[in-house]
Amino acid sequence: MHPGLAPFPAPPDPAGLPLPPAAHPADGVRLLRAVPYAVRDGSRPLELDLWLPGEPPATPPPVILFVHGGAWRTGLRDDLGPRFRTWRPGPFARLVRAGFAVAAADYRLSGEAVFPAQLDDLTEALAWLRTRAGDLGIDAGRVVPWGESAGGHLAALLALTASPTPRGCVVWYGATDLTAAPPRTPEAALLGAPAADVPDLARAASPVARVAPGAPPFLILHGVRDTVIPVTQGEALASALRAAGSEAVLRTVPGADHLWTGAAEQDVEECFTASVDFVRRRTR
């Protein structure tokens, strides 16, 4: 390549890219869709959706960093799970109306990269939000990760490793201990090998092993009848947090399987409301 051309193939810095025009999916809600936050060599650009108040409020709102599920191998960044797909207005619009901004972020899936790539991506998304907070009109000093299933696992890791520490974390039926992951499972695909072959990596990928004094408060919600990620995983994280002197609220949902399958509609609504109330308390 001619030396004079060398700068041109370099990817742009997402921190300096113009923001896209806003859509208005619901009254009082702006949506900036598919905003690049990381451009990595050899990988697709990583994007996030930003759900914001229709008009910038006098006080910038706190931020929920939402992390989608999908067994680390699939999923959509704007999907809170099947029980919420028919909500009108949708759950993110409701969160904006409740006084929050929502950033729903992509991350590399296990077919693209193994752990810790996913945690690295979300850490970079958090850094991007802090860099662009003034442009976006958000308070990136008041952030709470919230994830479901695989996203709950990653949200917990982000909350336990980010600096500065987030204000709290919401985990819906997330895996918390990967140290016994057998072959041919989504957990092994995330690690790139069965846990027995990569014990140090499996431990690093386990939120229960990353708990330390000073961990932020957690709200952990889990179905009692979860056949994909047993409720004992949520219980283990809550126990580890309490042993470290941190706040951990564990709410189990009777009759609920993974993705809140089998739960009454009222129970699903209460899970959402309890999560909103927790984030509001932690970001007040």
Protein backbone atom coordinates (compact mmCIF):
# COMPACT_ATOMS: atom_id res chain seq x y z
CA MET A 1 0.00 0.00 0.00
CA HIS A 2 1.24 3.49 -0.82
CA PRO A 3 2.21 5.26 2.43
CA GLY A 4 -0.13 8.11 1.62
CA LEU A 5 -3.11 5.73 1.63
CA ALA A 6 -2.31 4.08 4.94
CA PRO A 7 -4.55 6.29 7.11
CA PHE A 8 -7.65 5.81 4.96
CA PRO A 9 -8.49 2.13 5.64
CA ALA A 10 -8.27 2.73 9.41
CA PRO A 11 -11.70 2.40 11.03
CA PRO A 12 -13.30 5.55 12.40
CA ASP A 13 -13.32 6.23 16.10
CA PRO A 14 -16.92 5.61 17.29
CA ALA A 15 -16.47 8.30 19.93
CA GLY A 16 -16.33 10.89 17.16
CA LEU A 17 -18.98 9.62 14.75
CA PRO A 18 -22.15 11.67 14.29
CA LEU A 19 -25.24 10.30 15.98
CA PRO A 20 -28.02 8.99 13.71
CA PRO A 21 -31.35 10.77 13.34
CA ALA A 22 -33.87 9.85 15.99
CA ALA A 23 -37.01 7.79 15.52
CA HIS A 24 -40.02 8.24 17.79
CA PRO A 25 -41.43 4.76 18.52
CA ALA A 26 -43.74 5.99 21.31
CA ASP A 27 -44.95 9.25 22.76
CA GLY A 28 -42.21 10.91 24.76
CA VAL A 29 -39.52 8.52 23.50
CA ARG A 30 -36.61 9.02 21.11
CA LEU A 31 -34.72 6.06 19.64
CA LEU A 32 -31.23 6.26 18.18
CA ARG A 33 -30.90 2.91 16.47
CA ALA A 34 -27.73 1.03 15.51
CA VAL A 35 -25.16 3.47 16.89
CA PRO A 36 -21.63 2.02 16.49
CA TYR A 37 -19.71 1.87 19.75
CA ALA A 38 -16.76 -0.34 18.71
CA VAL A 39 -15.11 -1.13 15.39
CA ARG A 40 -12.74 -4.07 15.72
CA ASP A 41 -10.31 -5.36 13.12
CA GLY A 42 -11.60 -8.59 11.61
CA SER A 43 -15.03 -8.31 13.23
CA ARG A 44 -18.38 -6.72 12.51
CA PRO A 45 -18.97 -3.27 13.99
CA LEU A 46 -20.68 -3.50 17.36
CA GLU A 47 -23.76 -1.33 17.80
CA LEU A 48 -26.22 -0.28 20.46
CA ASP A 49 -29.69 1.23 20.48
CA LEU A 50 -30.30 4.26 22.66
CA TRP A 51 -33.76 4.86 24.08
CA LEU A 52 -34.01 8.44 25.36
CA PRO A 53 -36.64 10.90 26.57
CA GLY A 54 -38.43 12.71 23.77
CA GLU A 55 -37.20 16.04 25.09
CA PRO A 56 -33.97 16.32 27.08
CA PRO A 57 -34.97 16.64 30.75
CA ALA A 58 -33.50 19.28 33.06
CA THR A 59 -31.55 16.55 34.87
CA PRO A 60 -29.84 13.94 32.64
CA PRO A 61 -31.40 10.53 33.29
CA PRO A 62 -29.54 7.50 34.66
CA VAL A 63 -28.76 4.68 32.26
CA ILE A 64 -29.83 1.05 32.12
CA LEU A 65 -27.30 -0.92 30.06
CA PHE A 66 -29.38 -3.84 28.81
CA VAL A 67 -27.67 -7.10 27.82
CA HIS A 68 -29.71 -9.58 25.77
CA GLY A 69 -29.84 -13.33 26.21
CA GLY A 70 -29.61 -16.17 23.71
CA ALA A 71 -27.17 -18.73 25.20
CA TRP A 72 -24.26 -16.44 24.17
CA ARG A 73 -24.70 -17.66 20.59
CA THR A 74 -27.73 -15.78 19.27
CA GLY A 75 -30.20 -13.07 20.30
CA LEU A 76 -31.30 -9.53 19.50
CA ARG A 77 -30.12 -6.53 21.48
CA ASP A 78 -33.63 -5.08 21.79
CA ASP A 79 -35.33 -8.28 23.02
CA LEU A 80 -36.18 -8.57 26.71
CA GLY A 81 -37.58 -12.06 26.13
CA PRO A 82 -40.68 -13.67 24.63
CA ARG A 83 -43.04 -12.59 27.42
CA PHE A 84 -42.44 -8.92 26.53
CA ARG A 85 -42.67 -8.97 22.73
CA THR A 86 -46.36 -8.10 22.69
CA TRP A 87 -46.14 -5.24 25.19
CA ARG A 88 -47.41 -1.93 23.79
CA PRO A 89 -45.65 0.30 24.49
CA GLY A 90 -42.64 -1.97 24.69
CA PRO A 91 -40.54 -2.47 27.81
CA PHE A 92 -37.77 -0.05 26.78
CA ALA A 93 -40.27 2.71 26.05
CA ARG A 94 -41.77 2.07 29.48
CA LEU A 95 -38.34 2.39 31.06
CA VAL A 96 -37.82 5.75 29.36
CA ARG A 97 -41.20 6.93 30.62
CA ALA A 98 -40.14 5.79 34.10
CA GLY A 99 -37.23 8.23 33.96
CA PHE A 100 -34.33 6.22 32.52
CA ALA A 101 -32.26 6.10 29.37
CA VAL A 102 -31.68 2.61 27.97
CA ALA A 103 -28.65 1.44 26.00
CA ALA A 104 -29.23 -1.99 24.44
CA ALA A 105 -25.87 -3.27 23.24
CA ASP A 106 -24.56 -5.92 20.87
CA TYR A 107 -21.66 -8.12 21.89
CA ARG A 108 -19.70 -10.76 20.04
CA LEU A 109 -21.40 -14.15 20.16
CA SER A 110 -19.66 -17.41 21.00
CA GLY A 111 -19.49 -18.35 17.30
CA GLU A 112 -17.48 -15.18 16.69
CA ALA A 113 -15.16 -15.10 19.71
CA VAL A 114 -14.73 -16.88 23.02
CA PHE A 115 -14.75 -15.36 26.48
CA PRO A 116 -13.62 -12.76 27.59
CA ALA A 117 -14.49 -11.06 24.28
CA GLN A 118 -18.10 -10.54 25.38
CA LEU A 119 -17.11 -8.85 28.63
CA ASP A 120 -14.55 -6.74 26.77
CA ASP A 121 -17.28 -5.57 24.40
CA LEU A 122 -19.67 -4.53 27.16
CA THR A 123 -16.85 -2.79 29.01
CA GLU A 124 -16.19 -0.81 25.84
CA ALA A 125 -19.90 -0.01 25.47
CA LEU A 126 -19.88 1.39 28.99
CA ALA A 127 -16.79 3.47 28.20
CA TRP A 128 -18.46 4.78 25.04
CA LEU A 129 -21.53 5.84 27.00
CA ARG A 130 -19.33 7.74 29.43
CA THR A 131 -17.44 9.42 26.60
CA ARG A 132 -20.61 10.47 24.75
CA ALA A 133 -22.73 11.28 27.81
CA GLY A 134 -22.75 15.01 27.09
CA ASP A 135 -23.84 14.50 23.47
CA LEU A 136 -26.57 12.09 24.55
CA GLY A 137 -27.84 14.04 27.53
CA ILE A 138 -27.45 11.11 29.94
CA ASP A 139 -25.86 10.65 33.34
CA ALA A 140 -23.28 7.93 32.72
CA GLY A 141 -22.21 8.15 36.34
CA ARG A 142 -25.48 6.44 37.27
CA VAL A 143 -25.46 3.16 35.33
CA VAL A 144 -27.12 -0.16 36.15
CA PRO A 145 -26.48 -3.22 33.93
CA TRP A 146 -29.59 -5.37 33.47
CA GLY A 147 -29.48 -8.67 31.63
CA GLU A 148 -31.55 -11.77 31.04
CA SER A 149 -30.25 -15.34 30.71
CA ALA A 150 -26.82 -15.18 29.02
CA GLY A 151 -27.15 -11.42 29.25
CA GLY A 152 -27.75 -11.72 32.98
CA HIS A 153 -24.47 -13.60 33.30
CA LEU A 154 -22.63 -10.90 31.34
CA ALA A 155 -24.36 -8.03 33.17
CA ALA A 156 -23.25 -9.55 36.47
CA LEU A 157 -19.65 -9.84 35.28
CA LEU A 158 -19.71 -6.25 34.05
CA ALA A 159 -21.08 -4.97 37.35
CA LEU A 160 -18.39 -6.89 39.25
CA THR A 161 -15.45 -5.78 37.09
CA ALA A 162 -16.21 -2.28 35.76
CA SER A 163 -14.45 0.76 37.12
CA PRO A 164 -15.96 2.94 38.40
CA THR A 165 -18.40 0.45 39.87
CA PRO A 166 -21.97 0.63 38.50
CA ARG A 167 -24.74 1.63 40.90
CA GLY A 168 -26.26 -1.85 40.89
CA CYS A 169 -27.12 -4.83 38.70
CA VAL A 170 -30.30 -6.68 37.70
CA VAL A 171 -29.91 -10.36 36.79
CA TRP A 172 -32.79 -12.36 35.37
CA TYR A 173 -32.19 -16.15 35.45
CA GLY A 174 -28.50 -15.83 34.62
CA ALA A 175 -25.74 -18.43 34.88
CA THR A 176 -23.36 -17.59 37.70
CA ASP A 177 -20.95 -20.56 37.91
CA LEU A 178 -19.42 -21.99 34.73
CA THR A 179 -16.74 -24.10 36.43
CA ALA A 180 -18.58 -27.38 35.80
CA ALA A 181 -19.60 -26.71 32.17
CA PRO A 182 -19.51 -30.04 30.28
CA PRO A 183 -18.72 -30.49 26.57
CA ARG A 184 -21.23 -29.57 23.87
CA THR A 185 -23.05 -26.99 25.95
CA PRO A 186 -23.50 -23.26 25.35
CA GLU A 187 -21.21 -22.63 28.32
CA ALA A 188 -18.44 -24.72 26.76
CA ALA A 189 -18.91 -22.89 23.47
CA LEU A 190 -18.50 -19.58 25.29
CA LEU A 191 -15.29 -20.81 26.91
CA GLY A 192 -14.03 -22.49 23.74
CA ALA A 193 -13.65 -25.80 25.62
CA PRO A 194 -15.20 -27.78 28.48
CA ALA A 195 -14.57 -26.11 31.82
CA ALA A 196 -12.35 -28.99 32.95
CA ASP A 197 -9.93 -28.17 30.12
CA VAL A 198 -9.80 -24.42 30.90
CA PRO A 199 -10.41 -24.15 34.66
CA ASP A 200 -8.87 -20.70 35.06
CA LEU A 201 -10.94 -19.29 32.21
CA ALA A 202 -14.09 -20.94 33.55
CA ARG A 203 -13.49 -19.37 36.94
CA ALA A 204 -12.87 -15.96 35.38
CA ALA A 205 -16.18 -16.33 33.51
CA SER A 206 -18.11 -17.15 36.70
CA PRO A 207 -19.70 -14.20 38.53
CA VAL A 208 -19.64 -16.12 41.83
CA ALA A 209 -15.84 -16.22 41.59
CA ARG A 210 -15.56 -12.50 40.80
CA VAL A 211 -17.45 -11.27 43.88
CA ALA A 212 -15.30 -9.19 46.21
CA PRO A 213 -15.89 -6.63 48.96
CA GLY A 214 -17.25 -3.45 47.44
CA ALA A 215 -19.44 -5.25 44.90
CA PRO A 216 -22.54 -3.22 43.96
CA PRO A 217 -26.05 -4.17 45.09
CA PHE A 218 -27.76 -6.88 43.04
CA LEU A 219 -31.35 -7.79 42.32
CA ILE A 220 -31.51 -11.44 41.22
CA LEU A 221 -34.74 -12.89 39.85
CA HIS A 222 -35.03 -16.57 38.97
CA GLY A 223 -37.79 -19.06 38.23
CA VAL A 224 -38.10 -21.88 40.74
CA ARG A 225 -38.70 -24.40 37.93
CA ASP A 226 -35.96 -23.18 35.58
CA THR A 227 -34.81 -26.24 33.62
CA VAL A 228 -32.12 -24.38 31.64
CA ILE A 229 -30.24 -22.50 34.38
CA PRO A 230 -31.26 -23.91 37.77
CA VAL A 231 -32.39 -21.53 40.49
CA THR A 232 -29.41 -22.71 42.53
CA GLN A 233 -27.24 -20.53 40.25
CA GLY A 234 -29.09 -17.42 41.37
CA GLU A 235 -28.95 -18.56 44.98
CA ALA A 236 -25.19 -19.08 44.74
CA LEU A 237 -24.60 -15.55 43.49
CA ALA A 238 -26.78 -14.06 46.21
CA SER A 239 -24.90 -16.06 48.87
CA ALA A 240 -21.50 -14.96 47.53
CA LEU A 241 -22.52 -11.31 47.52
CA ARG A 242 -23.89 -11.44 51.05
CA ALA A 243 -20.74 -13.20 52.28
CA ALA A 244 -18.73 -10.32 50.81
CA GLY A 245 -20.87 -7.78 52.65
CA SER A 246 -22.85 -6.59 49.62
CA GLU A 247 -26.58 -6.23 49.19
CA ALA A 248 -28.25 -9.07 47.29
CA VAL A 249 -32.01 -9.32 46.89
CA LEU A 250 -33.09 -12.70 45.55
CA ARG A 251 -36.65 -13.08 44.29
CA THR A 252 -37.72 -16.52 43.16
CA VAL A 253 -40.81 -16.91 40.99
CA PRO A 254 -42.95 -19.99 41.75
CA GLY A 255 -43.98 -22.00 38.71
CA ALA A 256 -41.64 -20.14 36.36
CA ASP A 257 -39.27 -21.88 33.98
CA HIS A 258 -36.58 -20.13 31.94
CA LEU A 259 -37.66 -16.93 30.13
CA TRP A 260 -40.53 -16.70 32.65
CA THR A 261 -42.25 -19.54 30.79
CA GLY A 262 -45.13 -20.82 32.89
CA ALA A 263 -45.29 -17.71 35.08
CA ALA A 264 -48.60 -15.90 35.43
CA GLU A 265 -48.83 -12.60 33.59
CA GLN A 266 -49.11 -10.81 36.92
CA ASP A 267 -45.83 -12.41 38.05
CA VAL A 268 -44.09 -11.25 34.86
CA GLU A 269 -45.37 -7.72 35.41
CA GLU A 270 -44.15 -7.85 39.00
CA CYS A 271 -40.67 -8.97 37.88
CA PHE A 272 -40.47 -5.95 35.59
CA THR A 273 -41.83 -3.56 38.22
CA ALA A 274 -39.49 -4.88 40.92
CA SER A 275 -36.56 -4.37 38.57
CA VAL A 276 -37.61 -0.80 37.77
CA ASP A 277 -38.03 -0.02 41.46
CA PHE A 278 -34.58 -1.43 42.24
CA VAL A 279 -32.90 0.64 39.51
CA ARG A 280 -34.75 3.76 40.68
CA ARG A 281 -33.53 3.26 44.26
CA ARG A 282 -29.97 2.64 43.16
CA THR A 283 -29.80 5.68 40.86
CA ARG A 284 -31.75 8.16 43.01
